C-alpha atoms as a PDB file:
ATOM      1  CA  UNK A   1      10.868  -4.083  -7.757  1.00  0.00           C
ATOM      2  CA  UNK A   2       9.438  -6.583  -5.365  1.00  0.00           C
ATOM      3  CA  UNK A   3      10.710  -7.907  -2.113  1.00  0.00           C
ATOM      4  CA  UNK A   4       9.042 -10.076   0.457  1.00  0.00           C
ATOM      5  CA  UNK A   5      10.299  -9.935   4.018  1.00  0.00           C
ATOM      6  CA  UNK A   6       9.982 -13.123   6.027  1.00  0.00           C
ATOM      7  CA  UNK A   7       7.303 -15.584   4.904  1.00  0.00           C
ATOM      8  CA  UNK A   8       3.807 -14.282   4.181  1.00  0.00           C
ATOM      9  CA  UNK A   9       1.382 -15.429   6.856  1.00  0.00           C
ATOM     10  CA  UNK A  10       4.044 -17.089   8.994  1.00  0.00           C
ATOM     11  CA  UNK A  11       2.532 -17.480  12.432  1.00  0.00           C
ATOM     12  CA  UNK A  12       4.349 -15.910  15.362  1.00  0.00           C
ATOM     13  CA  UNK A  13       7.214 -14.491  13.314  1.00  0.00           C
ATOM     14  CA  UNK A  14       9.496 -11.997  15.057  1.00  0.00           C
ATOM     15  CA  UNK A  15       9.619  -9.640  12.059  1.00  0.00           C
ATOM     16  CA  UNK A  16       6.363  -7.695  11.716  1.00  0.00           C
ATOM     17  CA  UNK A  17       7.080  -6.425   8.196  1.00  0.00           C
ATOM     18  CA  UNK A  18       5.990  -9.375   6.109  1.00  0.00           C
ATOM     19  CA  UNK A  19       5.572  -7.957   2.611  1.00  0.00           C
ATOM     20  CA  UNK A  20       6.681  -4.747   0.896  1.00  0.00           C
ATOM     21  CA  UNK A  21       6.579  -4.448  -2.871  1.00  0.00           C
ATOM     22  CA  UNK A  22       6.183  -2.178  -5.857  1.00  0.00           C
ATOM     23  CA  UNK A  23       4.905  -4.073  -8.896  1.00  0.00           C
ATOM     24  CA  UNK A  24       3.922  -3.523 -12.487  1.00  0.00           C
ATOM     25  CA  UNK A  25       1.465  -6.443 -12.328  1.00  0.00           C
ATOM     26  CA  UNK A  26      -2.037  -6.630 -10.802  1.00  0.00           C
ATOM     27  CA  UNK A  27      -2.188  -6.663  -7.007  1.00  0.00           C
ATOM     28  CA  UNK A  28      -3.782  -9.410  -4.904  1.00  0.00           C
ATOM     29  CA  UNK A  29      -5.928  -8.802  -1.828  1.00  0.00           C
ATOM     30  CA  UNK A  30      -5.496 -12.455  -0.879  1.00  0.00           C
ATOM     31  CA  UNK A  31      -1.701 -12.195  -0.921  1.00  0.00           C
ATOM     32  CA  UNK A  32      -1.657  -9.109   1.307  1.00  0.00           C
ATOM     33  CA  UNK A  33      -4.252 -10.523   3.700  1.00  0.00           C
ATOM     34  CA  UNK A  34      -2.355 -13.808   3.977  1.00  0.00           C
ATOM     35  CA  UNK A  35       0.889 -11.928   4.642  1.00  0.00           C
ATOM     36  CA  UNK A  36      -0.494 -10.349   7.828  1.00  0.00           C
ATOM     37  CA  UNK A  37      -1.966 -13.538   9.265  1.00  0.00           C
ATOM     38  CA  UNK A  38      -0.845 -14.008  12.848  1.00  0.00           C
ATOM     39  CA  UNK A  39      -2.387 -16.132  15.618  1.00  0.00           C
ATOM     40  CA  UNK A  40      -1.721 -13.416  18.212  1.00  0.00           C
ATOM     41  CA  UNK A  41      -3.647 -10.775  16.260  1.00  0.00           C
ATOM     42  CA  UNK A  42      -7.231 -10.071  17.241  1.00  0.00           C
ATOM     43  CA  UNK A  43      -7.726  -7.396  14.588  1.00  0.00           C
ATOM     44  CA  UNK A  44      -6.667  -6.988  11.001  1.00  0.00           C
ATOM     45  CA  UNK A  45      -7.285  -3.819   8.995  1.00  0.00           C
ATOM     46  CA  UNK A  46      -6.912  -3.779   5.218  1.00  0.00           C
ATOM     47  CA  UNK A  47      -7.025  -0.719   2.956  1.00  0.00           C
ATOM     48  CA  UNK A  48      -7.468  -0.943  -0.809  1.00  0.00           C
ATOM     49  CA  UNK A  49      -6.889   2.070  -3.047  1.00  0.00           C
ATOM     50  CA  UNK A  50      -8.501   1.804  -6.487  1.00  0.00           C
ATOM     51  CA  UNK A  51      -8.356   3.931  -9.621  1.00  0.00           C
ATOM     52  CA  UNK A  52     -11.515   6.032  -9.777  1.00  0.00           C
ATOM     53  CA  UNK A  53     -13.156   7.421 -12.905  1.00  0.00           C
ATOM     54  CA  UNK A  54     -12.857  11.068 -11.859  1.00  0.00           C
ATOM     55  CA  UNK A  55     -10.665  13.469  -9.940  1.00  0.00           C
ATOM     56  CA  UNK A  56     -11.396  17.050  -9.007  1.00  0.00           C
ATOM     57  CA  UNK A  57     -14.599  17.054 -11.041  1.00  0.00           C
ATOM     58  CA  UNK A  58     -12.921  15.854 -14.248  1.00  0.00           C
ATOM     59  CA  UNK A  59     -13.352  12.450 -15.893  1.00  0.00           C
ATOM     60  CA  UNK A  60     -10.170  10.377 -15.760  1.00  0.00           C
ATOM     61  CA  UNK A  61      -9.316   8.706 -19.064  1.00  0.00           C
ATOM     62  CA  UNK A  62      -5.898   7.180 -18.262  1.00  0.00           C
ATOM     63  CA  UNK A  63      -3.651   6.909 -15.243  1.00  0.00           C
ATOM     64  CA  UNK A  64      -0.057   5.803 -14.756  1.00  0.00           C
ATOM     65  CA  UNK A  65       2.125   5.496 -11.661  1.00  0.00           C
ATOM     66  CA  UNK A  66       5.908   5.792 -11.645  1.00  0.00           C
ATOM     67  CA  UNK A  67       8.384   5.438  -8.801  1.00  0.00           C
ATOM     68  CA  UNK A  68      11.830   6.646  -7.840  1.00  0.00           C
ATOM     69  CA  UNK A  69      14.505   3.912  -7.564  1.00  0.00           C
ATOM     70  CA  UNK A  70      14.555   4.430  -3.759  1.00  0.00           C
ATOM     71  CA  UNK A  71      10.854   3.592  -3.429  1.00  0.00           C
ATOM     72  CA  UNK A  72      11.238   0.291  -1.590  1.00  0.00           C
ATOM     73  CA  UNK A  73      13.774   1.701   0.871  1.00  0.00           C
ATOM     74  CA  UNK A  74      11.354   4.546   1.622  1.00  0.00           C
ATOM     75  CA  UNK A  75       8.464   2.077   2.003  1.00  0.00           C
ATOM     76  CA  UNK A  76      10.603   0.107   4.445  1.00  0.00           C
ATOM     77  CA  UNK A  77      11.375   3.256   6.461  1.00  0.00           C
ATOM     78  CA  UNK A  78       7.675   4.134   6.753  1.00  0.00           C
ATOM     79  CA  UNK A  79       6.719   0.534   7.596  1.00  0.00           C
ATOM     80  CA  UNK A  80       9.369   0.301  10.321  1.00  0.00           C
ATOM     81  CA  UNK A  81       8.166   3.556  11.873  1.00  0.00           C
ATOM     82  CA  UNK A  82       4.546   2.311  11.956  1.00  0.00           C
ATOM     83  CA  UNK A  83       5.622  -1.069  13.350  1.00  0.00           C
ATOM     84  CA  UNK A  84       7.574   0.722  16.096  1.00  0.00           C
ATOM     85  CA  UNK A  85       4.718   3.100  16.995  1.00  0.00           C
ATOM     86  CA  UNK A  86       1.920   0.505  17.266  1.00  0.00           C
ATOM     87  CA  UNK A  87       1.685  -3.054  18.614  1.00  0.00           C
ATOM     88  CA  UNK A  88       1.922  -4.460  15.089  1.00  0.00           C
ATOM     89  CA  UNK A  89       2.011  -8.239  14.773  1.00  0.00           C
ATOM     90  CA  UNK A  90       2.268  -8.114  10.969  1.00  0.00           C
ATOM     91  CA  UNK A  91       2.289  -5.476   8.241  1.00  0.00           C
ATOM     92  CA  UNK A  92       2.166  -5.557   4.441  1.00  0.00           C
ATOM     93  CA  UNK A  93       2.091  -2.919   1.693  1.00  0.00           C
ATOM     94  CA  UNK A  94       2.068  -3.346  -2.076  1.00  0.00           C
ATOM     95  CA  UNK A  95       1.822  -0.507  -4.640  1.00  0.00           C
ATOM     96  CA  UNK A  96       1.304  -0.724  -8.376  1.00  0.00           C
ATOM     97  CA  UNK A  97       3.286   1.161 -11.014  1.00  0.00           C
ATOM     98  CA  UNK A  98       2.688   1.468 -14.746  1.00  0.00           C
ATOM     99  CA  UNK A  99      -0.550   2.003 -16.647  1.00  0.00           C
ATOM    100  CA  UNK A 100      -3.767   1.288 -14.745  1.00  0.00           C
ATOM    101  CA  UNK A 101      -7.419   1.281 -15.749  1.00  0.00           C
ATOM    102  CA  UNK A 102     -10.408   2.561 -13.817  1.00  0.00           C
ATOM    103  CA  UNK A 103     -11.197  -0.003 -11.114  1.00  0.00           C
ATOM    104  CA  UNK A 104      -7.661  -1.420 -10.907  1.00  0.00           C
ATOM    105  CA  UNK A 105      -6.049  -1.793  -7.500  1.00  0.00           C
ATOM    106  CA  UNK A 106      -3.366   0.865  -7.038  1.00  0.00           C
ATOM    107  CA  UNK A 107      -2.301   0.084  -3.468  1.00  0.00           C
ATOM    108  CA  UNK A 108      -3.121  -2.527  -0.848  1.00  0.00           C
ATOM    109  CA  UNK A 109      -1.948  -2.271   2.765  1.00  0.00           C
ATOM    110  CA  UNK A 110      -2.812  -4.353   5.804  1.00  0.00           C
ATOM    111  CA  UNK A 111      -1.884  -4.423   9.470  1.00  0.00           C
ATOM    112  CA  UNK A 112      -2.696  -6.949  12.169  1.00  0.00           C
ATOM    113  CA  UNK A 113      -2.528  -6.058  15.851  1.00  0.00           C
ATOM    114  CA  UNK A 114      -3.766  -7.562  19.131  1.00  0.00           C
ATOM    115  CA  UNK A 115      -6.944  -5.411  18.996  1.00  0.00           C
ATOM    116  CA  UNK A 116      -9.070  -3.862  16.229  1.00  0.00           C
ATOM    117  CA  UNK A 117      -8.619  -0.231  17.290  1.00  0.00           C
ATOM    118  CA  UNK A 118      -4.852  -0.537  17.087  1.00  0.00           C
ATOM    119  CA  UNK A 119      -5.130  -2.243  13.702  1.00  0.00           C
ATOM    120  CA  UNK A 120      -7.348   0.547  12.326  1.00  0.00           C
ATOM    121  CA  UNK A 121      -5.020   3.264  13.629  1.00  0.00           C
ATOM    122  CA  UNK A 122      -1.841   1.585  12.389  1.00  0.00           C
ATOM    123  CA  UNK A 123      -3.349   0.867   8.957  1.00  0.00           C
ATOM    124  CA  UNK A 124      -4.467   4.471   8.565  1.00  0.00           C
ATOM    125  CA  UNK A 125      -1.046   5.741   9.622  1.00  0.00           C
ATOM    126  CA  UNK A 126       0.628   3.340   7.172  1.00  0.00           C
ATOM    127  CA  UNK A 127      -1.402   4.381   4.125  1.00  0.00           C
ATOM    128  CA  UNK A 128      -1.304   8.085   5.004  1.00  0.00           C
ATOM    129  CA  UNK A 129       2.480   8.086   5.473  1.00  0.00           C
ATOM    130  CA  UNK A 130       3.048   5.996   2.342  1.00  0.00           C
ATOM    131  CA  UNK A 131       0.941   8.452   0.351  1.00  0.00           C
ATOM    132  CA  UNK A 132       2.765  11.519   1.678  1.00  0.00           C
ATOM    133  CA  UNK A 133       6.356  10.268   1.940  1.00  0.00           C
ATOM    134  CA  UNK A 134       7.074   7.524  -0.576  1.00  0.00           C
ATOM    135  CA  UNK A 135       8.325   8.697  -4.010  1.00  0.00           C
ATOM    136  CA  UNK A 136       5.519   7.418  -6.229  1.00  0.00           C
ATOM    137  CA  UNK A 137       3.922   9.789  -8.726  1.00  0.00           C
ATOM    138  CA  UNK A 138       0.602   9.640 -10.515  1.00  0.00           C
ATOM    139  CA  UNK A 139       0.107  10.939 -14.054  1.00  0.00           C
ATOM    140  CA  UNK A 140      -3.540  11.445 -14.978  1.00  0.00           C
ATOM    141  CA  UNK A 141      -4.962  12.096 -18.414  1.00  0.00           C
ATOM    142  CA  UNK A 142      -8.483  13.470 -18.428  1.00  0.00           C
ATOM    143  CA  UNK A 143     -11.260  12.901 -20.964  1.00  0.00           C
ATOM    144  CA  UNK A 144     -10.912  16.511 -22.194  1.00  0.00           C
ATOM    145  CA  UNK A 145      -7.250  15.868 -23.121  1.00  0.00           C
ATOM    146  CA  UNK A 146      -5.690  17.759 -20.204  1.00  0.00           C
ATOM    147  CA  UNK A 147      -3.243  16.014 -17.907  1.00  0.00           C
ATOM    148  CA  UNK A 148      -1.647  16.445 -14.519  1.00  0.00           C
ATOM    149  CA  UNK A 149       1.054  14.960 -12.331  1.00  0.00           C
ATOM    150  CA  UNK A 150       0.204  14.348  -8.684  1.00  0.00           C
ATOM    151  CA  UNK A 151       2.977  14.191  -6.064  1.00  0.00           C
ATOM    152  CA  UNK A 152       3.620  11.240  -3.773  1.00  0.00           C
ATOM    153  CA  UNK A 153       0.703   8.848  -3.944  1.00  0.00           C
END
């Protein structure tokens, strides 16, 4: 499940959504940052979500992400809405699925805009909406042997 829209880092492209993907391989900050490169952007905001060693006071032993088959279409819908609501020059979002270890990158999103404030706002909106609306689920196994599923991540 991986699709790139346009050419990552293409300067002055008309299409602001440059990269959307769900992958079962390690994510790259460099790839996402390069995808949002744009000469007209004065600000770029990048968010990186990593697997932490605890959740809700319990030690996390294992973690796995799974996704619904419509995941990329839903990511596209969220990305288009953010691109329409802010002066986005370029946008990218990549989420990991499968088994992850503590410290692994789970999600990387980036937005470039003419100014930094817009970039911060658009990036926050992008990650928040992806987390709440895109059908990706997290299964956590804790050190004490208990487990839990967490809704959209």
